[in-house]
N, C-alpha and C. Protein backbone atom coordinates (compact mmCIF):
# COMPACT_ATOMS: atom_id res chain seq x y z
N MET A 1 5.95 -18.80 -224.39
CA MET A 1 7.38 -18.91 -224.48
C MET A 1 7.98 -18.19 -223.28
N ILE A 2 8.93 -18.82 -222.62
CA ILE A 2 9.63 -18.21 -221.50
C ILE A 2 10.47 -17.05 -222.03
N ASP A 3 10.33 -15.88 -221.41
CA ASP A 3 11.09 -14.72 -221.87
C ASP A 3 12.56 -14.81 -221.49
N ILE A 4 12.83 -15.23 -220.26
CA ILE A 4 14.22 -15.33 -219.82
C ILE A 4 14.33 -16.36 -218.69
N LEU A 5 15.42 -17.08 -218.71
CA LEU A 5 15.73 -18.07 -217.69
C LEU A 5 17.16 -17.79 -217.25
N TYR A 6 17.35 -17.52 -215.97
CA TYR A 6 18.70 -17.17 -215.52
C TYR A 6 19.00 -17.80 -214.17
N GLN A 7 20.28 -17.82 -213.84
CA GLN A 7 20.73 -18.44 -212.61
C GLN A 7 21.52 -17.42 -211.80
N ILE A 8 21.21 -17.36 -210.51
CA ILE A 8 21.97 -16.57 -209.56
C ILE A 8 22.37 -17.53 -208.45
N ASP A 9 23.67 -17.74 -208.31
CA ASP A 9 24.19 -18.73 -207.35
C ASP A 9 23.53 -20.08 -207.64
N ASP A 10 22.82 -20.63 -206.67
CA ASP A 10 22.19 -21.95 -206.89
C ASP A 10 20.70 -21.82 -207.21
N ARG A 11 20.22 -20.62 -207.47
CA ARG A 11 18.81 -20.38 -207.79
C ARG A 11 18.61 -20.26 -209.29
N LEU A 12 17.62 -20.97 -209.81
CA LEU A 12 17.24 -20.86 -211.21
C LEU A 12 15.93 -20.09 -211.27
N ILE A 13 15.90 -19.03 -212.06
CA ILE A 13 14.76 -18.12 -212.06
C ILE A 13 14.17 -18.02 -213.48
N ILE A 14 12.89 -18.27 -213.56
CA ILE A 14 12.12 -18.09 -214.79
C ILE A 14 11.50 -16.70 -214.67
N ALA A 15 11.64 -15.88 -215.70
CA ALA A 15 11.03 -14.55 -215.65
C ALA A 15 10.23 -14.31 -216.92
N ASP A 16 9.13 -13.60 -216.75
CA ASP A 16 8.29 -13.26 -217.88
C ASP A 16 8.01 -11.77 -217.84
N TYR A 17 8.26 -11.10 -218.95
CA TYR A 17 8.03 -9.66 -219.06
C TYR A 17 6.56 -9.39 -219.33
N LYS A 18 6.02 -8.40 -218.66
CA LYS A 18 4.62 -7.99 -218.84
C LYS A 18 4.57 -6.50 -219.16
N THR A 19 3.71 -6.15 -220.10
CA THR A 19 3.56 -4.75 -220.48
C THR A 19 2.18 -4.23 -220.09
N ASP A 20 1.52 -4.92 -219.20
CA ASP A 20 0.18 -4.53 -218.75
C ASP A 20 0.19 -3.12 -218.17
N HIS A 21 -0.92 -2.43 -218.35
CA HIS A 21 -1.15 -1.16 -217.65
C HIS A 21 -1.69 -1.54 -216.28
N VAL A 22 -0.90 -1.32 -215.25
CA VAL A 22 -1.29 -1.71 -213.89
C VAL A 22 -0.74 -0.68 -212.91
N THR A 23 -1.48 -0.48 -211.83
CA THR A 23 -1.02 0.43 -210.78
C THR A 23 -0.39 -0.40 -209.66
N MET A 24 0.33 0.26 -208.80
CA MET A 24 0.93 -0.44 -207.66
C MET A 24 -0.14 -1.08 -206.79
N THR A 25 -1.28 -0.43 -206.67
CA THR A 25 -2.38 -0.97 -205.88
C THR A 25 -2.91 -2.26 -206.48
N ASP A 26 -3.00 -2.32 -207.79
CA ASP A 26 -3.55 -3.48 -208.48
C ASP A 26 -2.52 -4.58 -208.76
N LEU A 27 -1.27 -4.31 -208.48
CA LEU A 27 -0.19 -5.23 -208.84
C LEU A 27 -0.37 -6.64 -208.27
N PRO A 28 -0.65 -6.80 -206.97
CA PRO A 28 -0.80 -8.17 -206.45
C PRO A 28 -1.91 -8.98 -207.14
N ALA A 29 -3.05 -8.34 -207.38
CA ALA A 29 -4.16 -9.04 -208.03
C ALA A 29 -3.81 -9.37 -209.47
N LYS A 30 -3.16 -8.46 -210.15
CA LYS A 30 -2.76 -8.70 -211.54
C LYS A 30 -1.77 -9.86 -211.61
N ALA A 31 -0.82 -9.88 -210.71
CA ALA A 31 0.18 -10.96 -210.69
C ALA A 31 -0.48 -12.32 -210.46
N GLU A 32 -1.49 -12.36 -209.62
CA GLU A 32 -2.19 -13.62 -209.35
C GLU A 32 -2.82 -14.21 -210.61
N LYS A 33 -3.19 -13.38 -211.54
CA LYS A 33 -3.81 -13.86 -212.78
C LYS A 33 -2.84 -14.69 -213.62
N TYR A 34 -1.57 -14.61 -213.31
CA TYR A 34 -0.55 -15.34 -214.07
C TYR A 34 -0.08 -16.62 -213.35
N ARG A 35 -0.79 -17.04 -212.32
CA ARG A 35 -0.38 -18.23 -211.55
C ARG A 35 -0.35 -19.49 -212.43
N TYR A 36 -1.31 -19.64 -213.33
CA TYR A 36 -1.32 -20.82 -214.21
C TYR A 36 -0.10 -20.80 -215.13
N GLN A 37 0.25 -19.64 -215.65
CA GLN A 37 1.44 -19.51 -216.49
C GLN A 37 2.67 -19.95 -215.71
N LYS A 38 2.75 -19.56 -214.46
CA LYS A 38 3.86 -19.98 -213.60
C LYS A 38 3.93 -21.50 -213.53
N ALA A 39 2.81 -22.14 -213.30
CA ALA A 39 2.77 -23.59 -213.17
C ALA A 39 3.25 -24.28 -214.44
N VAL A 40 2.80 -23.80 -215.58
CA VAL A 40 3.19 -24.40 -216.87
C VAL A 40 4.68 -24.22 -217.12
N TYR A 41 5.17 -23.01 -216.95
CA TYR A 41 6.59 -22.74 -217.19
C TYR A 41 7.49 -23.51 -216.21
N ALA A 42 7.09 -23.54 -214.95
CA ALA A 42 7.89 -24.26 -213.94
C ALA A 42 7.95 -25.75 -214.26
N GLU A 43 6.84 -26.31 -214.68
CA GLU A 43 6.82 -27.74 -215.03
C GLU A 43 7.72 -28.02 -216.23
N ALA A 44 7.69 -27.16 -217.21
CA ALA A 44 8.56 -27.34 -218.39
C ALA A 44 10.04 -27.29 -218.00
N VAL A 45 10.39 -26.34 -217.17
CA VAL A 45 11.79 -26.22 -216.73
C VAL A 45 12.19 -27.42 -215.88
N LYS A 46 11.33 -27.86 -215.00
CA LYS A 46 11.61 -29.04 -214.17
C LYS A 46 11.89 -30.27 -215.05
N ARG A 47 11.04 -30.49 -216.04
CA ARG A 47 11.19 -31.66 -216.91
C ARG A 47 12.43 -31.57 -217.79
N CYS A 48 12.67 -30.41 -218.35
CA CYS A 48 13.79 -30.26 -219.29
C CYS A 48 15.15 -30.22 -218.61
N LEU A 49 15.21 -29.56 -217.47
CA LEU A 49 16.50 -29.36 -216.79
C LEU A 49 16.69 -30.25 -215.57
N LYS A 50 15.67 -31.04 -215.26
CA LYS A 50 15.75 -31.98 -214.14
C LYS A 50 16.09 -31.27 -212.83
N ILE A 51 15.36 -30.20 -212.55
CA ILE A 51 15.53 -29.50 -211.27
C ILE A 51 14.20 -29.49 -210.53
N ASP A 52 14.28 -29.28 -209.22
CA ASP A 52 13.08 -29.38 -208.40
C ASP A 52 12.30 -28.08 -208.22
N ASN A 53 12.99 -26.99 -208.03
CA ASN A 53 12.29 -25.80 -207.56
C ASN A 53 12.69 -24.51 -208.26
N PRO A 54 12.35 -24.32 -209.51
CA PRO A 54 12.68 -23.05 -210.14
C PRO A 54 11.81 -21.93 -209.55
N GLU A 55 12.37 -20.75 -209.46
CA GLU A 55 11.60 -19.59 -209.02
C GLU A 55 10.91 -18.98 -210.25
N PHE A 56 9.91 -18.15 -210.00
CA PHE A 56 9.19 -17.51 -211.10
C PHE A 56 8.94 -16.06 -210.74
N LYS A 57 9.27 -15.17 -211.67
CA LYS A 57 9.04 -13.74 -211.47
C LYS A 57 8.33 -13.15 -212.68
N LEU A 58 7.45 -12.24 -212.39
CA LEU A 58 6.83 -11.42 -213.41
C LEU A 58 7.51 -10.06 -213.35
N ILE A 59 7.93 -9.56 -214.49
CA ILE A 59 8.58 -8.25 -214.54
C ILE A 59 7.64 -7.30 -215.28
N PHE A 60 7.01 -6.43 -214.51
CA PHE A 60 6.07 -5.46 -215.08
C PHE A 60 6.88 -4.26 -215.56
N LEU A 61 7.09 -4.19 -216.85
CA LEU A 61 7.99 -3.21 -217.44
C LEU A 61 7.53 -1.77 -217.25
N ARG A 62 6.25 -1.50 -217.36
CA ARG A 62 5.76 -0.13 -217.24
C ARG A 62 5.96 0.42 -215.83
N LEU A 63 5.91 -0.45 -214.82
CA LEU A 63 6.12 -0.03 -213.44
C LEU A 63 7.58 -0.17 -213.00
N GLY A 64 8.32 -0.99 -213.72
CA GLY A 64 9.69 -1.25 -213.30
C GLY A 64 9.74 -2.09 -212.04
N LYS A 65 8.81 -3.01 -211.91
CA LYS A 65 8.70 -3.86 -210.72
C LYS A 65 8.71 -5.33 -211.09
N ALA A 66 9.41 -6.12 -210.30
CA ALA A 66 9.40 -7.57 -210.42
C ALA A 66 8.64 -8.15 -209.25
N VAL A 67 7.80 -9.14 -209.55
CA VAL A 67 6.97 -9.76 -208.54
C VAL A 67 7.18 -11.27 -208.58
N SER A 68 7.49 -11.85 -207.45
CA SER A 68 7.58 -13.31 -207.35
C SER A 68 6.21 -13.86 -207.01
N ILE A 69 5.82 -14.92 -207.71
CA ILE A 69 4.57 -15.59 -207.35
C ILE A 69 4.82 -17.07 -207.27
């Protein structure tokens, strides 16, 4: 389930909250593990809202960091 879908200007952003225990060093590798989730969520948004290019962010709550993939 998509955690949040929001719009800033002409950008539509899909975001998913993560509570993983991760360090800043491990953050890029951890984010990569969610690439398939990005593909599934982006495809759903494209089909439902008829848009071409939604953005996708992972929000790692424990670190307070958002990562675009």
